[in-house]
Amino acid sequence: MTGGGKGNSPLYSLKAATDLPAPPEQAPTWQLLISEPTTLLAFNTDKILTQPAPDESLPMDNARWSDSLPILVQAKLVQTFENAGYAQAVTRTPGDFASNFQLQIDIRQFHVVTTGEPTAKIVFLAKILNPNNEIIDTRQFEASAPAEGSDARAYVNALSAAFDKIEVELLDWATAQIDAVPVPPVVVEPPAMPPPPDDMPSEPEMPPAP
C-alpha cells in the first residue's frame, strides 16, 4: 500500500508471484509480448470493486488500486515472468522484439463477492498467439480466495491471493505452450553464381552445313 491518491484514499497494489519453479536451464529461444489486458468498462478503472449481487458492482469507499486494473495486471504478470527467469524473453512494450509470441488476456471478473462470506473472485480468458498472429491455444483461468475481514486491507489481501494463483498457472501454461511450438528450420540459401567475366571468349561459330 502507498499513501496519497484521489483525496485521502490509500492506494493498493497487486504483487508479482515469487513462489515459482526453478528458472529454465537454457535461455528460451522465443520472445513474448504481454499485451495490456482488455476488459469491460466496469473493470477498466482504479476502483476496487465488490459484487453484492450477480448483476451489481460497487466500488469500495476510500480505497483504490495504484493504477488502472489492466495496467496493474499487465505489469505484475511481466514481473512474474521476470522472477521466473524469463527477463530477457518478455516485454510489455510493442516493438521491443522483431518477432514474438503474444499473450492476450481479457479480464472477466476481478472483485470481491460479498453475498455470504466475502470471497475474492478472478476470471481471465487468455490466448497465446504465434509470431504470425495465429492463435495456438486459449484457456480460461479462475481463482478465488476468502477474505479474512470486511475492510479494504482484507479485500485486497484476498484479491492478491487469488491473483497469485492465476499468475503461476498462466506462467506454467504459457511457457509450456510456446516451448511446444516447433522451431522452424533455418534455411540456408546457396551462394549465387557469379556472372561471367566480360572478357570471356565467346564460342566459335560453326561453319554452315554443305
N, C-alpha and C. Protein backbone atom coordinates (compact mmCIF):
# COMPACT_ATOMS: atom_id res chain seq x y z
N MET A 1 0.85 -1.20 0.00
CA MET A 1 0.00 0.00 0.00
C MET A 1 0.87 1.23 0.00
N THR A 2 0.45 2.31 -0.69
CA THR A 2 1.15 3.58 -0.67
C THR A 2 0.17 4.67 -0.32
N GLY A 3 0.70 5.78 0.16
CA GLY A 3 -0.16 6.87 0.56
C GLY A 3 -0.59 7.71 -0.62
N GLY A 4 -1.45 8.70 -0.38
CA GLY A 4 -1.88 9.61 -1.42
C GLY A 4 -3.05 9.06 -2.19
N GLY A 5 -3.19 9.56 -3.44
CA GLY A 5 -4.28 9.09 -4.27
C GLY A 5 -5.33 10.17 -4.42
N LYS A 6 -6.50 9.80 -4.90
CA LYS A 6 -7.58 10.75 -5.07
C LYS A 6 -8.17 11.06 -3.71
N GLY A 7 -8.10 12.32 -3.34
CA GLY A 7 -8.49 12.68 -1.98
C GLY A 7 -7.51 12.09 -1.01
N ASN A 8 -8.02 11.46 0.02
CA ASN A 8 -7.17 10.79 1.00
C ASN A 8 -7.25 9.28 0.89
N SER A 9 -7.68 8.77 -0.28
CA SER A 9 -7.84 7.34 -0.45
C SER A 9 -6.48 6.66 -0.49
N PRO A 10 -6.25 5.64 0.33
CA PRO A 10 -4.98 4.89 0.22
C PRO A 10 -4.96 4.10 -1.08
N LEU A 11 -3.76 3.92 -1.61
CA LEU A 11 -3.58 3.17 -2.86
C LEU A 11 -3.01 1.80 -2.55
N TYR A 12 -3.56 0.79 -3.20
CA TYR A 12 -3.12 -0.59 -3.00
C TYR A 12 -2.59 -1.13 -4.33
N SER A 13 -1.72 -2.12 -4.24
CA SER A 13 -1.17 -2.74 -5.43
C SER A 13 -1.28 -4.25 -5.34
N LEU A 14 -1.12 -4.91 -6.48
CA LEU A 14 -1.01 -6.36 -6.52
C LEU A 14 0.46 -6.73 -6.41
N LYS A 15 0.76 -8.02 -6.27
CA LYS A 15 2.13 -8.48 -6.15
C LYS A 15 2.44 -9.47 -7.27
N ALA A 16 3.67 -9.40 -7.77
CA ALA A 16 4.14 -10.41 -8.70
C ALA A 16 4.42 -11.69 -7.93
N ALA A 17 4.17 -12.83 -8.55
CA ALA A 17 4.41 -14.12 -7.89
C ALA A 17 5.91 -14.33 -7.68
N THR A 18 6.26 -14.90 -6.55
CA THR A 18 7.66 -15.20 -6.23
C THR A 18 7.89 -16.67 -5.91
N ASP A 19 6.85 -17.40 -5.52
CA ASP A 19 6.98 -18.82 -5.23
C ASP A 19 6.82 -19.58 -6.55
N LEU A 20 7.93 -19.70 -7.28
CA LEU A 20 7.88 -20.17 -8.66
C LEU A 20 8.80 -21.36 -8.87
N PRO A 21 8.61 -22.10 -9.96
CA PRO A 21 9.53 -23.21 -10.27
C PRO A 21 10.93 -22.67 -10.53
N ALA A 22 11.89 -23.57 -10.57
CA ALA A 22 13.26 -23.18 -10.87
C ALA A 22 13.33 -22.57 -12.27
N PRO A 23 14.21 -21.60 -12.48
CA PRO A 23 14.31 -20.98 -13.81
C PRO A 23 14.78 -21.99 -14.85
N PRO A 24 14.51 -21.75 -16.11
CA PRO A 24 14.91 -22.70 -17.16
C PRO A 24 16.44 -22.84 -17.20
N GLU A 25 16.90 -24.07 -17.47
CA GLU A 25 18.34 -24.32 -17.53
C GLU A 25 18.98 -23.63 -18.73
N GLN A 26 18.25 -23.51 -19.81
CA GLN A 26 18.74 -22.83 -21.00
C GLN A 26 17.84 -21.65 -21.32
N ALA A 27 18.44 -20.59 -21.83
CA ALA A 27 17.66 -19.41 -22.19
C ALA A 27 16.66 -19.78 -23.29
N PRO A 28 15.43 -19.30 -23.20
CA PRO A 28 14.44 -19.65 -24.23
C PRO A 28 14.82 -19.07 -25.59
N THR A 29 14.40 -19.76 -26.63
CA THR A 29 14.67 -19.28 -27.99
C THR A 29 13.56 -18.35 -28.47
N TRP A 30 12.50 -18.19 -27.67
CA TRP A 30 11.37 -17.37 -28.06
C TRP A 30 11.34 -16.06 -27.26
N GLN A 31 10.50 -15.15 -27.74
CA GLN A 31 10.28 -13.87 -27.06
C GLN A 31 8.77 -13.64 -26.97
N LEU A 32 8.35 -13.02 -25.87
CA LEU A 32 6.91 -12.91 -25.58
C LEU A 32 6.53 -11.48 -25.25
N LEU A 33 5.49 -11.00 -25.92
CA LEU A 33 4.87 -9.71 -25.61
C LEU A 33 3.62 -9.96 -24.79
N ILE A 34 3.56 -9.40 -23.59
CA ILE A 34 2.35 -9.46 -22.77
C ILE A 34 1.59 -8.17 -22.99
N SER A 35 0.50 -8.25 -23.73
CA SER A 35 -0.27 -7.07 -24.10
C SER A 35 -1.08 -6.56 -22.91
N GLU A 36 -1.45 -5.28 -22.97
CA GLU A 36 -2.34 -4.74 -21.93
C GLU A 36 -3.68 -5.47 -22.02
N PRO A 37 -4.18 -6.00 -20.91
CA PRO A 37 -5.43 -6.76 -20.95
C PRO A 37 -6.61 -5.91 -21.40
N THR A 38 -7.55 -6.57 -22.02
CA THR A 38 -8.83 -5.94 -22.35
C THR A 38 -9.83 -6.29 -21.26
N THR A 39 -10.89 -5.50 -21.16
CA THR A 39 -11.92 -5.77 -20.16
C THR A 39 -13.11 -4.86 -20.41
N LEU A 40 -14.20 -5.12 -19.72
CA LEU A 40 -15.35 -4.24 -19.76
C LEU A 40 -15.04 -2.94 -19.03
N LEU A 41 -15.82 -1.92 -19.31
CA LEU A 41 -15.60 -0.60 -18.71
C LEU A 41 -15.59 -0.67 -17.19
N ALA A 42 -16.41 -1.53 -16.61
CA ALA A 42 -16.51 -1.61 -15.15
C ALA A 42 -15.17 -1.95 -14.50
N PHE A 43 -14.34 -2.78 -15.17
CA PHE A 43 -13.06 -3.18 -14.59
C PHE A 43 -11.89 -2.34 -15.11
N ASN A 44 -12.15 -1.48 -16.09
CA ASN A 44 -11.09 -0.61 -16.62
C ASN A 44 -11.00 0.65 -15.77
N THR A 45 -10.58 0.47 -14.53
CA THR A 45 -10.64 1.52 -13.53
C THR A 45 -9.61 1.25 -12.44
N ASP A 46 -9.36 2.25 -11.61
CA ASP A 46 -8.52 2.03 -10.44
C ASP A 46 -9.35 1.75 -9.19
N LYS A 47 -10.66 1.61 -9.35
CA LYS A 47 -11.53 1.32 -8.21
C LYS A 47 -11.43 -0.15 -7.82
N ILE A 48 -11.47 -0.43 -6.54
CA ILE A 48 -11.51 -1.80 -6.03
C ILE A 48 -12.98 -2.17 -5.90
N LEU A 49 -13.41 -3.18 -6.65
CA LEU A 49 -14.84 -3.45 -6.78
C LEU A 49 -15.31 -4.59 -5.89
N THR A 50 -16.54 -4.46 -5.45
CA THR A 50 -17.24 -5.55 -4.76
C THR A 50 -18.46 -5.93 -5.59
N GLN A 51 -18.97 -7.15 -5.34
CA GLN A 51 -20.16 -7.62 -6.05
C GLN A 51 -21.19 -8.07 -5.01
N PRO A 52 -22.08 -7.16 -4.62
CA PRO A 52 -23.10 -7.52 -3.64
C PRO A 52 -24.22 -8.38 -4.22
N ALA A 53 -24.34 -8.41 -5.56
CA ALA A 53 -25.34 -9.23 -6.24
C ALA A 53 -24.77 -9.59 -7.61
N PRO A 54 -25.25 -10.67 -8.23
CA PRO A 54 -24.68 -11.10 -9.52
C PRO A 54 -24.70 -10.04 -10.60
N ASP A 55 -25.66 -9.11 -10.55
CA ASP A 55 -25.77 -8.09 -11.59
C ASP A 55 -25.41 -6.70 -11.07
N GLU A 56 -24.59 -6.64 -10.02
CA GLU A 56 -24.30 -5.35 -9.40
C GLU A 56 -22.83 -5.27 -9.00
N SER A 57 -22.22 -4.11 -9.24
CA SER A 57 -20.84 -3.86 -8.80
C SER A 57 -20.80 -2.54 -8.03
N LEU A 58 -20.07 -2.54 -6.92
CA LEU A 58 -19.92 -1.34 -6.12
C LEU A 58 -18.45 -1.12 -5.79
N PRO A 59 -17.93 0.10 -5.99
CA PRO A 59 -16.55 0.37 -5.60
C PRO A 59 -16.43 0.54 -4.10
N MET A 60 -15.29 0.19 -3.56
CA MET A 60 -15.05 0.41 -2.14
C MET A 60 -14.82 1.88 -1.87
N ASP A 61 -15.25 2.34 -0.72
CA ASP A 61 -15.01 3.72 -0.31
C ASP A 61 -13.58 3.85 0.21
N ASN A 62 -12.92 4.95 -0.17
CA ASN A 62 -11.61 5.30 0.39
C ASN A 62 -10.55 4.23 0.17
N ALA A 63 -10.55 3.58 -1.00
CA ALA A 63 -9.50 2.60 -1.34
C ALA A 63 -9.48 2.45 -2.85
N ARG A 64 -8.28 2.51 -3.42
CA ARG A 64 -8.14 2.39 -4.87
C ARG A 64 -6.88 1.59 -5.20
N TRP A 65 -6.84 1.07 -6.44
CA TRP A 65 -5.61 0.49 -6.94
C TRP A 65 -4.63 1.60 -7.28
N SER A 66 -3.35 1.28 -7.33
CA SER A 66 -2.33 2.29 -7.61
C SER A 66 -2.29 2.68 -9.09
N ASP A 67 -2.99 1.96 -9.95
CA ASP A 67 -3.10 2.28 -11.37
C ASP A 67 -4.40 1.64 -11.86
N SER A 68 -4.74 1.87 -13.11
CA SER A 68 -5.93 1.17 -13.62
C SER A 68 -5.66 -0.32 -13.60
N LEU A 69 -6.70 -1.10 -13.38
CA LEU A 69 -6.53 -2.54 -13.17
C LEU A 69 -5.83 -3.24 -14.34
N PRO A 70 -6.19 -2.98 -15.62
CA PRO A 70 -5.48 -3.67 -16.71
C PRO A 70 -3.98 -3.39 -16.73
N ILE A 71 -3.58 -2.15 -16.50
CA ILE A 71 -2.16 -1.82 -16.50
C ILE A 71 -1.46 -2.48 -15.32
N LEU A 72 -2.12 -2.52 -14.18
CA LEU A 72 -1.53 -3.14 -12.99
C LEU A 72 -1.35 -4.64 -13.21
N VAL A 73 -2.36 -5.30 -13.77
CA VAL A 73 -2.27 -6.74 -14.05
C VAL A 73 -1.14 -7.02 -15.03
N GLN A 74 -1.06 -6.22 -16.09
CA GLN A 74 0.00 -6.40 -17.10
C GLN A 74 1.39 -6.27 -16.47
N ALA A 75 1.59 -5.24 -15.66
CA ALA A 75 2.91 -5.01 -15.05
C ALA A 75 3.31 -6.16 -14.13
N LYS A 76 2.37 -6.67 -13.35
CA LYS A 76 2.71 -7.74 -12.40
C LYS A 76 2.92 -9.07 -13.11
N LEU A 77 2.23 -9.30 -14.23
CA LEU A 77 2.48 -10.52 -14.98
C LEU A 77 3.87 -10.49 -15.61
N VAL A 78 4.28 -9.34 -16.13
CA VAL A 78 5.64 -9.21 -16.67
C VAL A 78 6.66 -9.49 -15.57
N GLN A 79 6.46 -8.94 -14.39
CA GLN A 79 7.38 -9.17 -13.27
C GLN A 79 7.41 -10.64 -12.87
N THR A 80 6.26 -11.31 -12.95
CA THR A 80 6.23 -12.74 -12.62
C THR A 80 7.11 -13.53 -13.58
N PHE A 81 7.00 -13.26 -14.88
CA PHE A 81 7.86 -13.93 -15.86
C PHE A 81 9.33 -13.60 -15.61
N GLU A 82 9.61 -12.36 -15.26
CA GLU A 82 10.99 -11.98 -14.94
C GLU A 82 11.49 -12.74 -13.71
N ASN A 83 10.67 -12.83 -12.69
CA ASN A 83 11.05 -13.56 -11.48
C ASN A 83 11.31 -15.04 -11.75
N ALA A 84 10.65 -15.57 -12.79
CA ALA A 84 10.79 -16.99 -13.13
C ALA A 84 11.99 -17.27 -14.03
N GLY A 85 12.75 -16.24 -14.39
CA GLY A 85 13.95 -16.43 -15.19
C GLY A 85 13.79 -16.10 -16.66
N TYR A 86 12.74 -15.36 -17.01
CA TYR A 86 12.49 -15.03 -18.42
C TYR A 86 12.65 -13.53 -18.68
N ALA A 87 13.51 -12.88 -17.93
CA ALA A 87 13.63 -11.42 -18.04
C ALA A 87 14.05 -10.97 -19.44
N GLN A 88 14.88 -11.77 -20.11
CA GLN A 88 15.36 -11.39 -21.44
C GLN A 88 14.38 -11.78 -22.55
N ALA A 89 13.31 -12.47 -22.19
CA ALA A 89 12.40 -13.00 -23.21
C ALA A 89 11.00 -12.42 -23.13
N VAL A 90 10.76 -11.46 -22.25
CA VAL A 90 9.40 -10.95 -22.06
C VAL A 90 9.41 -9.43 -22.02
N THR A 91 8.34 -8.83 -22.54
CA THR A 91 8.20 -7.38 -22.53
C THR A 91 6.72 -7.03 -22.53
N ARG A 92 6.41 -5.80 -22.20
CA ARG A 92 5.04 -5.31 -22.36
C ARG A 92 4.99 -4.17 -23.36
N THR A 93 6.11 -3.89 -24.02
CA THR A 93 6.21 -2.78 -24.96
C THR A 93 6.24 -3.30 -26.39
N PRO A 94 5.19 -3.05 -27.20
CA PRO A 94 5.22 -3.49 -28.59
C PRO A 94 6.42 -2.90 -29.32
N GLY A 95 7.06 -3.71 -30.14
CA GLY A 95 8.21 -3.24 -30.89
C GLY A 95 9.55 -3.55 -30.26
N ASP A 96 9.55 -4.05 -29.02
CA ASP A 96 10.82 -4.39 -28.37
C ASP A 96 11.51 -5.55 -29.07
N PHE A 97 10.71 -6.48 -29.61
CA PHE A 97 11.25 -7.66 -30.28
C PHE A 97 10.85 -7.62 -31.76
N ALA A 98 11.77 -8.09 -32.60
CA ALA A 98 11.48 -8.11 -34.04
C ALA A 98 10.38 -9.12 -34.36
N SER A 99 10.36 -10.23 -33.65
CA SER A 99 9.35 -11.27 -33.86
C SER A 99 9.05 -11.91 -32.51
N ASN A 100 7.79 -12.01 -32.18
CA ASN A 100 7.47 -12.50 -30.84
C ASN A 100 6.13 -13.21 -30.79
N PHE A 101 5.99 -14.08 -29.78
CA PHE A 101 4.69 -14.60 -29.40
C PHE A 101 3.97 -13.50 -28.62
N GLN A 102 2.68 -13.68 -28.41
CA GLN A 102 1.90 -12.68 -27.70
C GLN A 102 0.92 -13.36 -26.75
N LEU A 103 0.87 -12.84 -25.52
CA LEU A 103 -0.10 -13.29 -24.53
C LEU A 103 -1.17 -12.21 -24.40
N GLN A 104 -2.40 -12.57 -24.77
CA GLN A 104 -3.53 -11.66 -24.67
C GLN A 104 -4.45 -12.13 -23.56
N ILE A 105 -4.92 -11.19 -22.74
CA ILE A 105 -5.77 -11.52 -21.59
C ILE A 105 -7.00 -10.62 -21.60
N ASP A 106 -8.15 -11.23 -21.36
CA ASP A 106 -9.37 -10.48 -21.15
C ASP A 106 -9.81 -10.70 -19.71
N ILE A 107 -9.94 -9.61 -18.95
CA ILE A 107 -10.35 -9.69 -17.54
C ILE A 107 -11.87 -9.81 -17.50
N ARG A 108 -12.38 -10.95 -17.05
CA ARG A 108 -13.83 -11.17 -17.00
C ARG A 108 -14.40 -10.84 -15.62
N GLN A 109 -13.65 -11.16 -14.58
CA GLN A 109 -14.07 -10.83 -13.21
C GLN A 109 -12.82 -10.47 -12.39
N PHE A 110 -12.97 -9.48 -11.53
CA PHE A 110 -11.89 -9.12 -10.61
C PHE A 110 -12.52 -8.29 -9.49
N HIS A 111 -13.15 -8.99 -8.55
CA HIS A 111 -13.87 -8.30 -7.49
C HIS A 111 -14.01 -9.21 -6.28
N VAL A 112 -14.59 -8.66 -5.23
CA VAL A 112 -14.88 -9.42 -4.02
C VAL A 112 -16.39 -9.63 -3.95
N VAL A 113 -16.80 -10.88 -3.98
CA VAL A 113 -18.22 -11.22 -3.87
C VAL A 113 -18.61 -11.12 -2.40
N THR A 114 -19.61 -10.31 -2.12
CA THR A 114 -19.97 -10.04 -0.72
C THR A 114 -21.29 -10.68 -0.30
N THR A 115 -21.85 -11.53 -1.16
CA THR A 115 -23.02 -12.29 -0.73
C THR A 115 -22.51 -13.47 0.09
N GLY A 116 -22.90 -13.53 1.35
CA GLY A 116 -22.34 -14.54 2.26
C GLY A 116 -20.96 -14.10 2.72
N GLU A 117 -20.07 -15.06 2.91
CA GLU A 117 -18.71 -14.73 3.34
C GLU A 117 -17.97 -14.05 2.20
N PRO A 118 -17.34 -12.88 2.46
CA PRO A 118 -16.65 -12.18 1.38
C PRO A 118 -15.56 -13.06 0.75
N THR A 119 -15.57 -13.15 -0.59
CA THR A 119 -14.63 -14.01 -1.31
C THR A 119 -14.16 -13.30 -2.57
N ALA A 120 -12.84 -13.23 -2.74
CA ALA A 120 -12.29 -12.66 -3.97
C ALA A 120 -12.51 -13.63 -5.12
N LYS A 121 -12.88 -13.09 -6.28
CA LYS A 121 -13.15 -13.91 -7.46
C LYS A 121 -12.49 -13.25 -8.67
N ILE A 122 -11.64 -14.03 -9.36
CA ILE A 122 -10.95 -13.53 -10.55
C ILE A 122 -11.15 -14.54 -11.67
N VAL A 123 -11.48 -14.03 -12.86
CA VAL A 123 -11.60 -14.87 -14.05
C VAL A 123 -10.90 -14.15 -15.21
N PHE A 124 -9.96 -14.85 -15.85
CA PHE A 124 -9.27 -14.35 -17.03
C PHE A 124 -9.53 -15.31 -18.20
N LEU A 125 -9.64 -14.78 -19.41
CA LEU A 125 -9.56 -15.59 -20.62
C LEU A 125 -8.24 -15.22 -21.30
N ALA A 126 -7.38 -16.21 -21.52
CA ALA A 126 -6.05 -15.96 -22.07
C ALA A 126 -5.88 -16.63 -23.42
N LYS A 127 -5.15 -15.98 -24.31
CA LYS A 127 -4.83 -16.52 -25.63
C LYS A 127 -3.34 -16.37 -25.88
N ILE A 128 -2.76 -17.39 -26.52
CA ILE A 128 -1.38 -17.33 -26.98
C ILE A 128 -1.39 -17.24 -28.50
N LEU A 129 -0.71 -16.23 -29.04
CA LEU A 129 -0.60 -16.06 -30.48
C LEU A 129 0.85 -16.26 -30.90
N ASN A 130 1.04 -16.89 -32.06
CA ASN A 130 2.40 -17.08 -32.55
C ASN A 130 2.87 -15.82 -33.28
N PRO A 131 4.12 -15.77 -33.75
CA PRO A 131 4.61 -14.55 -34.42
C PRO A 131 3.82 -14.17 -35.67
N ASN A 132 3.02 -15.09 -36.22
CA ASN A 132 2.17 -14.78 -37.36
C ASN A 132 0.78 -14.33 -36.94
N ASN A 133 0.59 -14.06 -35.63
CA ASN A 133 -0.69 -13.63 -35.07
C ASN A 133 -1.77 -14.70 -35.20
N GLU A 134 -1.37 -15.95 -35.20
CA GLU A 134 -2.31 -17.07 -35.22
C GLU A 134 -2.46 -17.61 -33.80
N ILE A 135 -3.70 -17.85 -33.36
CA ILE A 135 -3.95 -18.36 -32.02
C ILE A 135 -3.50 -19.82 -31.95
N ILE A 136 -2.64 -20.14 -30.99
CA ILE A 136 -2.19 -21.52 -30.83
C ILE A 136 -2.84 -22.20 -29.63
N ASP A 137 -3.39 -21.41 -28.70
CA ASP A 137 -4.14 -22.01 -27.59
C ASP A 137 -4.91 -20.94 -26.85
N THR A 138 -6.00 -21.36 -26.22
CA THR A 138 -6.86 -20.48 -25.43
C THR A 138 -7.24 -21.22 -24.16
N ARG A 139 -7.28 -20.48 -23.05
CA ARG A 139 -7.66 -21.12 -21.79
C ARG A 139 -8.28 -20.09 -20.84
N GLN A 140 -9.27 -20.53 -20.09
CA GLN A 140 -9.87 -19.68 -19.06
C GLN A 140 -9.27 -20.04 -17.71
N PHE A 141 -8.90 -19.01 -16.96
CA PHE A 141 -8.31 -19.18 -15.63
C PHE A 141 -9.27 -18.59 -14.59
N GLU A 142 -9.51 -19.34 -13.53
CA GLU A 142 -10.38 -18.89 -12.44
C GLU A 142 -9.69 -19.16 -11.12
N ALA A 143 -9.84 -18.22 -10.19
CA ALA A 143 -9.29 -18.42 -8.84
C ALA A 143 -10.13 -17.62 -7.86
N SER A 144 -10.20 -18.12 -6.64
CA SER A 144 -10.92 -17.43 -5.58
C SER A 144 -10.14 -17.58 -4.27
N ALA A 145 -10.42 -16.68 -3.34
CA ALA A 145 -9.76 -16.72 -2.03
C ALA A 145 -10.66 -16.01 -1.03
N PRO A 146 -10.82 -16.57 0.17
CA PRO A 146 -11.68 -15.93 1.17
C PRO A 146 -11.02 -14.68 1.75
N ALA A 147 -11.85 -13.71 2.09
CA ALA A 147 -11.36 -12.50 2.76
C ALA A 147 -11.49 -12.68 4.26
N GLU A 148 -10.41 -12.41 4.97
CA GLU A 148 -10.41 -12.56 6.43
C GLU A 148 -10.78 -11.24 7.09
N GLY A 149 -11.95 -10.75 6.74
CA GLY A 149 -12.42 -9.48 7.26
C GLY A 149 -13.25 -8.78 6.22
N SER A 150 -13.73 -7.58 6.54
CA SER A 150 -14.58 -6.85 5.61
C SER A 150 -14.04 -5.45 5.32
N ASP A 151 -12.78 -5.21 5.63
CA ASP A 151 -12.18 -3.90 5.35
C ASP A 151 -11.36 -3.97 4.07
N ALA A 152 -10.84 -2.82 3.64
CA ALA A 152 -10.10 -2.75 2.38
C ALA A 152 -8.88 -3.65 2.39
N ARG A 153 -8.13 -3.67 3.49
CA ARG A 153 -6.92 -4.47 3.56
C ARG A 153 -7.25 -5.96 3.40
N ALA A 154 -8.31 -6.41 4.03
CA ALA A 154 -8.70 -7.82 3.92
C ALA A 154 -9.14 -8.16 2.49
N TYR A 155 -9.86 -7.25 1.86
CA TYR A 155 -10.31 -7.49 0.49
C TYR A 155 -9.12 -7.52 -0.48
N VAL A 156 -8.18 -6.59 -0.32
CA VAL A 156 -7.01 -6.56 -1.18
C VAL A 156 -6.16 -7.81 -0.99
N ASN A 157 -6.00 -8.26 0.25
CA ASN A 157 -5.24 -9.49 0.51
C ASN A 157 -5.88 -10.68 -0.19
N ALA A 158 -7.21 -10.75 -0.16
CA ALA A 158 -7.90 -11.86 -0.81
C ALA A 158 -7.74 -11.80 -2.32
N LEU A 159 -7.88 -10.61 -2.91
CA LEU A 159 -7.68 -10.47 -4.35
C LEU A 159 -6.24 -10.79 -4.74
N SER A 160 -5.29 -10.39 -3.91
CA SER A 160 -3.88 -10.68 -4.19
C SER A 160 -3.61 -12.18 -4.14
N ALA A 161 -4.23 -12.88 -3.19
CA ALA A 161 -4.05 -14.33 -3.08
C ALA A 161 -4.61 -15.04 -4.30
N ALA A 162 -5.80 -14.62 -4.75
CA ALA A 162 -6.39 -15.23 -5.94
C ALA A 162 -5.55 -14.92 -7.18
N PHE A 163 -5.08 -13.69 -7.28
CA PHE A 163 -4.26 -13.29 -8.43
C PHE A 163 -2.95 -14.07 -8.46
N ASP A 164 -2.36 -14.32 -7.30
CA ASP A 164 -1.11 -15.09 -7.24
C ASP A 164 -1.30 -16.49 -7.84
N LYS A 165 -2.44 -17.12 -7.54
CA LYS A 165 -2.71 -18.45 -8.10
C LYS A 165 -2.75 -18.40 -9.63
N ILE A 166 -3.43 -17.39 -10.17
CA ILE A 166 -3.56 -17.29 -11.62
C ILE A 166 -2.22 -16.95 -12.26
N GLU A 167 -1.42 -16.12 -11.62
CA GLU A 167 -0.11 -15.79 -12.17
C GLU A 167 0.72 -17.05 -12.40
N VAL A 168 0.78 -17.91 -11.40
CA VAL A 168 1.59 -19.13 -11.51
C VAL A 168 1.02 -20.05 -12.59
N GLU A 169 -0.30 -20.20 -12.64
CA GLU A 169 -0.92 -21.06 -13.65
C GLU A 169 -0.70 -20.51 -15.06
N LEU A 170 -0.81 -19.19 -15.21
CA LEU A 170 -0.58 -18.55 -16.50
C LEU A 170 0.86 -18.75 -16.96
N LEU A 171 1.79 -18.59 -16.06
CA LEU A 171 3.20 -18.77 -16.38
C LEU A 171 3.46 -20.19 -16.87
N ASP A 172 2.99 -21.18 -16.12
CA ASP A 172 3.22 -22.58 -16.50
C ASP A 172 2.58 -22.90 -17.85
N TRP A 173 1.36 -22.45 -18.03
CA TRP A 173 0.64 -22.75 -19.28
C TRP A 173 1.29 -22.07 -20.47
N ALA A 174 1.59 -20.77 -20.35
CA ALA A 174 2.13 -20.02 -21.49
C ALA A 174 3.49 -20.55 -21.92
N THR A 175 4.38 -20.78 -20.96
CA THR A 175 5.72 -21.27 -21.33
C THR A 175 5.64 -22.67 -21.92
N ALA A 176 4.76 -23.52 -21.40
CA ALA A 176 4.63 -24.87 -21.94
C ALA A 176 4.10 -24.84 -23.37
N GLN A 177 3.10 -23.97 -23.63
CA GLN A 177 2.54 -23.88 -24.98
C GLN A 177 3.56 -23.37 -25.98
N ILE A 178 4.33 -22.36 -25.58
CA ILE A 178 5.31 -21.79 -26.51
C ILE A 178 6.47 -22.76 -26.72
N ASP A 179 6.92 -23.41 -25.65
CA ASP A 179 8.01 -24.38 -25.79
C ASP A 179 7.63 -25.53 -26.72
N ALA A 180 6.33 -25.85 -26.80
CA ALA A 180 5.88 -26.97 -27.62
C ALA A 180 5.81 -26.64 -29.10
N VAL A 181 5.92 -25.35 -29.45
CA VAL A 181 5.87 -24.97 -30.86
C VAL A 181 7.19 -25.32 -31.52
N PRO A 182 7.18 -26.11 -32.60
CA PRO A 182 8.44 -26.48 -33.25
C PRO A 182 9.20 -25.25 -33.74
N VAL A 183 10.49 -25.28 -33.56
CA VAL A 183 11.33 -24.19 -34.06
C VAL A 183 11.49 -24.38 -35.56
N PRO A 184 11.14 -23.37 -36.36
CA PRO A 184 11.27 -23.54 -37.81
C PRO A 184 12.72 -23.77 -38.22
N PRO A 185 12.94 -24.65 -39.19
CA PRO A 185 14.32 -24.91 -39.61
C PRO A 185 14.95 -23.69 -40.25
N VAL A 186 16.26 -23.59 -40.09
CA VAL A 186 17.00 -22.49 -40.69
C VAL A 186 17.33 -22.88 -42.13
N VAL A 187 16.81 -22.11 -43.06
CA VAL A 187 17.04 -22.38 -44.48
C VAL A 187 18.23 -21.57 -44.94
N VAL A 188 19.26 -22.27 -45.41
CA VAL A 188 20.46 -21.60 -45.90
C VAL A 188 20.39 -21.57 -47.42
N GLU A 189 20.34 -20.38 -47.98
CA GLU A 189 20.29 -20.24 -49.42
C GLU A 189 21.68 -20.51 -50.01
N PRO A 190 21.76 -21.28 -51.13
CA PRO A 190 23.07 -21.50 -51.75
C PRO A 190 23.63 -20.20 -52.29
N PRO A 191 24.94 -20.06 -52.30
CA PRO A 191 25.53 -18.80 -52.80
C PRO A 191 25.22 -18.61 -54.28
N ALA A 192 24.97 -17.39 -54.64
CA ALA A 192 24.66 -17.08 -56.03
C ALA A 192 25.91 -17.26 -56.89
N MET A 193 25.71 -17.78 -58.09
CA MET A 193 26.82 -17.94 -59.02
C MET A 193 27.24 -16.58 -59.54
N PRO A 194 28.54 -16.31 -59.54
CA PRO A 194 28.99 -15.01 -60.05
C PRO A 194 28.76 -14.90 -61.55
N PRO A 195 28.51 -13.73 -62.06
CA PRO A 195 28.32 -13.55 -63.50
C PRO A 195 29.63 -13.81 -64.24
N PRO A 196 29.54 -14.26 -65.49
CA PRO A 196 30.78 -14.50 -66.25
C PRO A 196 31.52 -13.19 -66.50
N PRO A 197 32.83 -13.26 -66.53
CA PRO A 197 33.60 -12.03 -66.81
C PRO A 197 33.33 -11.53 -68.21
N ASP A 198 33.48 -10.21 -68.37
CA ASP A 198 33.19 -9.59 -69.66
C ASP A 198 34.15 -10.04 -70.75
N ASP A 199 35.43 -10.41 -70.38
CA ASP A 199 36.42 -10.75 -71.40
C ASP A 199 36.46 -12.24 -71.71
N MET A 200 35.45 -13.01 -71.24
CA MET A 200 35.44 -14.44 -71.53
C MET A 200 35.23 -14.63 -73.03
N PRO A 201 36.10 -15.47 -73.70
CA PRO A 201 35.97 -15.65 -75.15
C PRO A 201 34.65 -16.34 -75.49
N SER A 202 34.06 -15.89 -76.55
CA SER A 202 32.80 -16.49 -76.97
C SER A 202 33.07 -17.77 -77.73
N GLU A 203 32.09 -18.65 -77.80
CA GLU A 203 32.25 -19.91 -78.50
C GLU A 203 32.35 -19.65 -80.00
N PRO A 204 33.27 -20.39 -80.69
CA PRO A 204 33.41 -20.14 -82.15
C PRO A 204 32.16 -20.55 -82.89
N GLU A 205 31.91 -19.82 -83.97
CA GLU A 205 30.73 -20.13 -84.78
C GLU A 205 31.01 -21.37 -85.61
N MET A 206 30.03 -22.23 -85.72
CA MET A 206 30.15 -23.43 -86.56
C MET A 206 29.93 -23.07 -88.02
N PRO A 207 30.77 -23.66 -88.93
CA PRO A 207 30.56 -23.36 -90.35
C PRO A 207 29.23 -23.91 -90.82
N PRO A 208 28.66 -23.28 -91.81
CA PRO A 208 27.34 -23.78 -92.31
C PRO A 208 27.49 -25.16 -92.91
N ALA A 209 26.47 -25.95 -92.81
CA ALA A 209 26.48 -27.31 -93.38
C ALA A 209 26.51 -27.23 -94.88
N PRO A 210 27.28 -28.14 -95.54
CA PRO A 210 27.36 -28.11 -97.04
C PRO A 210 26.00 -28.48 -97.63
